[in-house]
Amino acid sequence: MTVAFPGAELALVGNTITHISNVRSGVVPDGRCLVCHAAVVAKKGPIKAHHFAYLGRASSCRYTGLL
């Protein structure tokens, strides 16, 4: 299960802030949320806007409240 965080076009990949356009769709090795550092997956389908989503549940993260 994945949980999207609205407007999530940026994530940490290693130690670099990375835009969704610079990664492939799917699990991002070393990809983490900017705030809580939870693992993320890149969602790049044909219908919805490309975005990162949490890999599993991360509802306690403050990131969604910052947007």
N, C-alpha and C. Protein backbone atom coordinates (compact mmCIF):
# COMPACT_ATOMS: atom_id res chain seq x y z
N MET A 1 0.83 -1.18 0.00
CA MET A 1 0.00 0.00 0.00
C MET A 1 0.88 1.24 0.00
N THR A 2 0.47 2.27 -0.72
CA THR A 2 1.19 3.53 -0.72
C THR A 2 0.24 4.64 -0.30
N VAL A 3 0.78 5.69 0.26
CA VAL A 3 -0.02 6.84 0.67
C VAL A 3 0.59 8.08 0.04
N ALA A 4 -0.17 8.76 -0.81
CA ALA A 4 0.33 9.95 -1.49
C ALA A 4 0.35 11.14 -0.56
N PHE A 5 1.30 12.02 -0.76
CA PHE A 5 1.28 13.29 -0.06
C PHE A 5 1.17 14.37 -1.12
N PRO A 6 0.08 15.17 -1.09
CA PRO A 6 -0.23 16.14 -2.15
C PRO A 6 0.93 17.09 -2.46
N GLY A 7 1.16 17.32 -3.73
CA GLY A 7 2.20 18.25 -4.15
C GLY A 7 3.60 17.71 -3.96
N ALA A 8 3.72 16.43 -3.72
CA ALA A 8 5.01 15.84 -3.41
C ALA A 8 5.82 15.58 -4.67
N GLU A 9 6.40 16.61 -5.19
CA GLU A 9 7.23 16.48 -6.38
C GLU A 9 8.71 16.37 -6.03
N LEU A 10 9.04 16.53 -4.75
CA LEU A 10 10.44 16.48 -4.31
C LEU A 10 10.61 15.42 -3.24
N ALA A 11 11.77 14.78 -3.24
CA ALA A 11 12.14 13.81 -2.21
C ALA A 11 13.66 13.80 -2.09
N LEU A 12 14.15 13.27 -0.99
CA LEU A 12 15.59 13.08 -0.83
C LEU A 12 15.98 11.77 -1.50
N VAL A 13 16.98 11.81 -2.34
CA VAL A 13 17.55 10.59 -2.91
C VAL A 13 19.01 10.63 -2.53
N GLY A 14 19.38 9.77 -1.61
CA GLY A 14 20.70 9.88 -1.01
C GLY A 14 20.71 11.15 -0.17
N ASN A 15 21.59 12.07 -0.47
CA ASN A 15 21.64 13.36 0.24
C ASN A 15 21.22 14.52 -0.64
N THR A 16 20.55 14.23 -1.77
CA THR A 16 20.19 15.25 -2.74
C THR A 16 18.68 15.39 -2.85
N ILE A 17 18.19 16.62 -2.81
CA ILE A 17 16.77 16.88 -3.06
C ILE A 17 16.55 16.69 -4.56
N THR A 18 15.61 15.80 -4.89
CA THR A 18 15.42 15.38 -6.27
C THR A 18 13.98 15.58 -6.71
N HIS A 19 13.79 16.11 -7.93
CA HIS A 19 12.45 16.30 -8.50
C HIS A 19 11.97 14.98 -9.09
N ILE A 20 10.67 14.77 -9.06
CA ILE A 20 10.05 13.54 -9.58
C ILE A 20 10.44 13.26 -11.03
N SER A 21 10.70 14.28 -11.81
CA SER A 21 11.05 14.09 -13.22
C SER A 21 12.42 13.43 -13.41
N ASN A 22 13.22 13.40 -12.35
CA ASN A 22 14.58 12.85 -12.46
C ASN A 22 14.72 11.42 -11.96
N VAL A 23 13.60 10.76 -11.69
CA VAL A 23 13.65 9.37 -11.24
C VAL A 23 12.71 8.51 -12.08
N ARG A 24 12.93 7.21 -12.06
CA ARG A 24 12.03 6.29 -12.75
C ARG A 24 10.86 5.95 -11.84
N SER A 25 9.77 5.53 -12.45
CA SER A 25 8.59 5.12 -11.70
C SER A 25 8.90 3.87 -10.87
N GLY A 26 8.35 3.82 -9.67
CA GLY A 26 8.54 2.67 -8.79
C GLY A 26 9.31 3.03 -7.54
N VAL A 27 9.74 2.02 -6.82
CA VAL A 27 10.50 2.24 -5.59
C VAL A 27 11.80 2.96 -5.93
N VAL A 28 12.10 4.00 -5.18
CA VAL A 28 13.30 4.81 -5.42
C VAL A 28 14.37 4.39 -4.41
N PRO A 29 15.46 3.73 -4.88
CA PRO A 29 16.51 3.35 -3.94
C PRO A 29 17.04 4.58 -3.19
N ASP A 30 17.11 4.49 -1.90
CA ASP A 30 17.56 5.60 -1.03
C ASP A 30 16.61 6.80 -1.10
N GLY A 31 15.40 6.65 -1.61
CA GLY A 31 14.43 7.74 -1.68
C GLY A 31 13.71 7.90 -0.36
N ARG A 32 13.65 9.13 0.14
CA ARG A 32 13.06 9.41 1.45
C ARG A 32 12.24 10.70 1.42
N CYS A 33 11.24 10.77 2.29
CA CYS A 33 10.46 11.99 2.49
C CYS A 33 11.38 13.08 3.02
N LEU A 34 11.16 14.31 2.59
CA LEU A 34 12.00 15.43 3.03
C LEU A 34 11.89 15.70 4.52
N VAL A 35 10.76 15.39 5.13
CA VAL A 35 10.53 15.71 6.53
C VAL A 35 10.76 14.53 7.47
N CYS A 36 10.05 13.42 7.23
CA CYS A 36 10.12 12.30 8.17
C CYS A 36 11.09 11.20 7.75
N HIS A 37 11.64 11.30 6.54
CA HIS A 37 12.62 10.36 6.01
C HIS A 37 12.07 8.95 5.80
N ALA A 38 10.74 8.82 5.69
CA ALA A 38 10.13 7.53 5.37
C ALA A 38 10.44 7.18 3.91
N ALA A 39 10.50 5.90 3.59
CA ALA A 39 10.76 5.45 2.22
C ALA A 39 9.64 5.91 1.28
N VAL A 40 10.01 6.27 0.05
CA VAL A 40 9.03 6.72 -0.93
C VAL A 40 9.09 5.91 -2.21
N VAL A 41 8.01 6.00 -2.97
CA VAL A 41 7.90 5.37 -4.27
C VAL A 41 7.50 6.46 -5.26
N ALA A 42 8.02 6.40 -6.48
CA ALA A 42 7.67 7.39 -7.51
C ALA A 42 6.46 6.89 -8.29
N LYS A 43 5.44 7.71 -8.38
CA LYS A 43 4.22 7.39 -9.13
C LYS A 43 4.21 8.24 -10.39
N LYS A 44 4.35 7.59 -11.55
CA LYS A 44 4.44 8.32 -12.81
C LYS A 44 3.53 7.68 -13.85
N GLY A 45 2.25 7.65 -13.54
CA GLY A 45 1.27 7.05 -14.44
C GLY A 45 0.78 8.03 -15.49
N PRO A 46 -0.10 7.58 -16.38
CA PRO A 46 -0.59 8.40 -17.49
C PRO A 46 -1.74 9.35 -17.13
N ILE A 47 -2.34 9.21 -15.94
CA ILE A 47 -3.53 10.01 -15.63
C ILE A 47 -3.25 11.10 -14.60
N LYS A 48 -2.80 10.73 -13.42
CA LYS A 48 -2.56 11.70 -12.35
C LYS A 48 -1.20 12.37 -12.51
N ALA A 49 -1.05 13.51 -11.85
CA ALA A 49 0.24 14.21 -11.87
C ALA A 49 1.31 13.31 -11.23
N HIS A 50 2.49 13.34 -11.78
CA HIS A 50 3.59 12.56 -11.22
C HIS A 50 3.90 13.06 -9.82
N HIS A 51 4.12 12.12 -8.89
CA HIS A 51 4.36 12.49 -7.50
C HIS A 51 5.04 11.35 -6.76
N PHE A 52 5.59 11.68 -5.60
CA PHE A 52 6.12 10.67 -4.70
C PHE A 52 5.02 10.30 -3.73
N ALA A 53 5.03 9.06 -3.26
CA ALA A 53 4.09 8.59 -2.25
C ALA A 53 4.89 7.80 -1.22
N TYR A 54 4.36 7.74 0.00
CA TYR A 54 5.01 6.93 1.02
C TYR A 54 4.89 5.46 0.67
N LEU A 55 5.91 4.71 0.94
CA LEU A 55 5.88 3.28 0.76
C LEU A 55 5.36 2.70 2.08
N GLY A 56 4.06 2.51 2.17
CA GLY A 56 3.41 2.12 3.42
C GLY A 56 2.75 3.33 4.05
N ARG A 57 2.43 3.23 5.30
CA ARG A 57 1.73 4.32 5.98
C ARG A 57 2.71 5.26 6.67
N ALA A 58 2.48 6.55 6.53
CA ALA A 58 3.31 7.56 7.20
C ALA A 58 2.44 8.73 7.60
N SER A 59 1.27 8.43 8.14
CA SER A 59 0.29 9.47 8.43
C SER A 59 0.74 10.45 9.51
N SER A 60 1.74 10.11 10.30
CA SER A 60 2.19 11.02 11.34
C SER A 60 3.16 12.08 10.84
N CYS A 61 3.52 12.05 9.57
CA CYS A 61 4.46 13.01 9.01
C CYS A 61 3.82 14.39 8.92
N ARG A 62 4.61 15.41 9.20
CA ARG A 62 4.15 16.80 9.12
C ARG A 62 4.13 17.32 7.70
N TYR A 63 4.69 16.60 6.73
CA TYR A 63 4.85 17.12 5.37
C TYR A 63 3.55 17.59 4.75
N THR A 64 2.48 16.82 4.92
CA THR A 64 1.21 17.20 4.31
C THR A 64 0.68 18.49 4.90
N GLY A 65 1.01 18.79 6.13
CA GLY A 65 0.57 20.05 6.74
C GLY A 65 1.36 21.26 6.25
N LEU A 66 2.50 21.04 5.62
CA LEU A 66 3.33 22.14 5.14
C LEU A 66 2.89 22.65 3.78
N LEU A 67 2.07 21.88 3.08
CA LEU A 67 1.67 22.22 1.72
C LEU A 67 0.38 23.00 1.70
